[in-house]
């Protein structure tokens, strides 16, 4: 059964962070939220495995949010 990869798996984390921040620069909060929603759905579709997606959802909730 696939598991969620929690160790760093980026080939270039700095480049990803730069691209993500550039994507949101000069956008309204609403535009950024829509972009994030589309990005989440694209990546979830790429992952595809319901168990992995549910594990990711559970990890995404911070203790402060409970």
C-alpha atoms as a PDB file:
ATOM      1  CA  UNK A   1       0.000   0.000   0.000  1.00  0.00           C
ATOM      2  CA  UNK A   2       1.436   3.425  -0.926  1.00  0.00           C
ATOM      3  CA  UNK A   3       2.227   5.773   1.918  1.00  0.00           C
ATOM      4  CA  UNK A   4       2.549   9.519   2.063  1.00  0.00           C
ATOM      5  CA  UNK A   5       6.167  10.621   1.615  1.00  0.00           C
ATOM      6  CA  UNK A   6       6.959  12.830   4.608  1.00  0.00           C
ATOM      7  CA  UNK A   7      10.707  13.150   4.026  1.00  0.00           C
ATOM      8  CA  UNK A   8      11.917  15.879   1.674  1.00  0.00           C
ATOM      9  CA  UNK A   9      11.513  14.640  -1.876  1.00  0.00           C
ATOM     10  CA  UNK A  10      12.180  17.891  -3.750  1.00  0.00           C
ATOM     11  CA  UNK A  11      14.858  17.976  -6.415  1.00  0.00           C
ATOM     12  CA  UNK A  12      15.154  21.735  -5.834  1.00  0.00           C
ATOM     13  CA  UNK A  13      13.053  23.003  -2.912  1.00  0.00           C
ATOM     14  CA  UNK A  14      14.274  26.587  -3.284  1.00  0.00           C
ATOM     15  CA  UNK A  15      13.202  26.693  -6.930  1.00  0.00           C
ATOM     16  CA  UNK A  16       9.758  25.333  -6.033  1.00  0.00           C
ATOM     17  CA  UNK A  17       9.338  27.897  -3.255  1.00  0.00           C
ATOM     18  CA  UNK A  18      10.416  30.690  -5.617  1.00  0.00           C
ATOM     19  CA  UNK A  19       7.951  29.546  -8.291  1.00  0.00           C
ATOM     20  CA  UNK A  20       5.127  29.256  -5.763  1.00  0.00           C
ATOM     21  CA  UNK A  21       5.723  32.689  -4.266  1.00  0.00           C
ATOM     22  CA  UNK A  22       6.048  34.230  -7.758  1.00  0.00           C
ATOM     23  CA  UNK A  23       2.732  32.623  -8.689  1.00  0.00           C
ATOM     24  CA  UNK A  24       0.997  34.454  -5.844  1.00  0.00           C
ATOM     25  CA  UNK A  25       2.805  37.780  -6.143  1.00  0.00           C
ATOM     26  CA  UNK A  26       0.506  40.662  -7.050  1.00  0.00           C
ATOM     27  CA  UNK A  27      -2.612  38.472  -6.834  1.00  0.00           C
ATOM     28  CA  UNK A  28      -5.628  39.171  -4.697  1.00  0.00           C
ATOM     29  CA  UNK A  29      -6.446  36.867  -1.794  1.00  0.00           C
ATOM     30  CA  UNK A  30      -9.347  35.440  -3.791  1.00  0.00           C
ATOM     31  CA  UNK A  31      -7.155  34.757  -6.830  1.00  0.00           C
ATOM     32  CA  UNK A  32      -4.534  33.077  -4.634  1.00  0.00           C
ATOM     33  CA  UNK A  33      -7.173  30.894  -2.980  1.00  0.00           C
ATOM     34  CA  UNK A  34      -8.484  29.794  -6.393  1.00  0.00           C
ATOM     35  CA  UNK A  35      -4.975  29.035  -7.611  1.00  0.00           C
ATOM     36  CA  UNK A  36      -4.267  27.018  -4.446  1.00  0.00           C
ATOM     37  CA  UNK A  37      -7.515  25.061  -4.882  1.00  0.00           C
ATOM     38  CA  UNK A  38      -6.672  24.210  -8.496  1.00  0.00           C
ATOM     39  CA  UNK A  39      -3.108  23.276  -7.557  1.00  0.00           C
ATOM     40  CA  UNK A  40      -4.357  20.998  -4.763  1.00  0.00           C
ATOM     41  CA  UNK A  41      -6.769  19.255  -7.141  1.00  0.00           C
ATOM     42  CA  UNK A  42      -4.097  18.817  -9.822  1.00  0.00           C
ATOM     43  CA  UNK A  43      -1.631  17.325  -7.354  1.00  0.00           C
ATOM     44  CA  UNK A  44      -4.320  15.148  -5.724  1.00  0.00           C
ATOM     45  CA  UNK A  45      -5.240  13.824  -9.161  1.00  0.00           C
ATOM     46  CA  UNK A  46      -1.567  13.086  -9.808  1.00  0.00           C
ATOM     47  CA  UNK A  47      -1.305  11.151  -6.527  1.00  0.00           C
ATOM     48  CA  UNK A  48      -4.601   9.410  -7.154  1.00  0.00           C
ATOM     49  CA  UNK A  49      -4.477   6.993  -4.204  1.00  0.00           C
ATOM     50  CA  UNK A  50      -7.315   7.694  -1.750  1.00  0.00           C
ATOM     51  CA  UNK A  51      -5.386   6.308   1.237  1.00  0.00           C
ATOM     52  CA  UNK A  52      -2.417   8.590   0.547  1.00  0.00           C
ATOM     53  CA  UNK A  53      -4.715  11.574   0.042  1.00  0.00           C
ATOM     54  CA  UNK A  54      -6.514  10.918   3.335  1.00  0.00           C
ATOM     55  CA  UNK A  55      -3.163  10.594   5.109  1.00  0.00           C
ATOM     56  CA  UNK A  56      -2.106  13.939   3.618  1.00  0.00           C
ATOM     57  CA  UNK A  57      -5.341  15.542   4.805  1.00  0.00           C
ATOM     58  CA  UNK A  58      -4.778  14.283   8.341  1.00  0.00           C
ATOM     59  CA  UNK A  59      -1.189  15.609   8.342  1.00  0.00           C
ATOM     60  CA  UNK A  60      -2.298  18.973   6.967  1.00  0.00           C
ATOM     61  CA  UNK A  61      -4.358  19.748  10.074  1.00  0.00           C
ATOM     62  CA  UNK A  62      -2.045  21.436  12.562  1.00  0.00           C
ATOM     63  CA  UNK A  63      -2.478  20.756  16.271  1.00  0.00           C
ATOM     64  CA  UNK A  64      -3.320  24.459  16.641  1.00  0.00           C
ATOM     65  CA  UNK A  65      -6.276  23.983  14.272  1.00  0.00           C
ATOM     66  CA  UNK A  66      -7.929  21.212  16.304  1.00  0.00           C
END
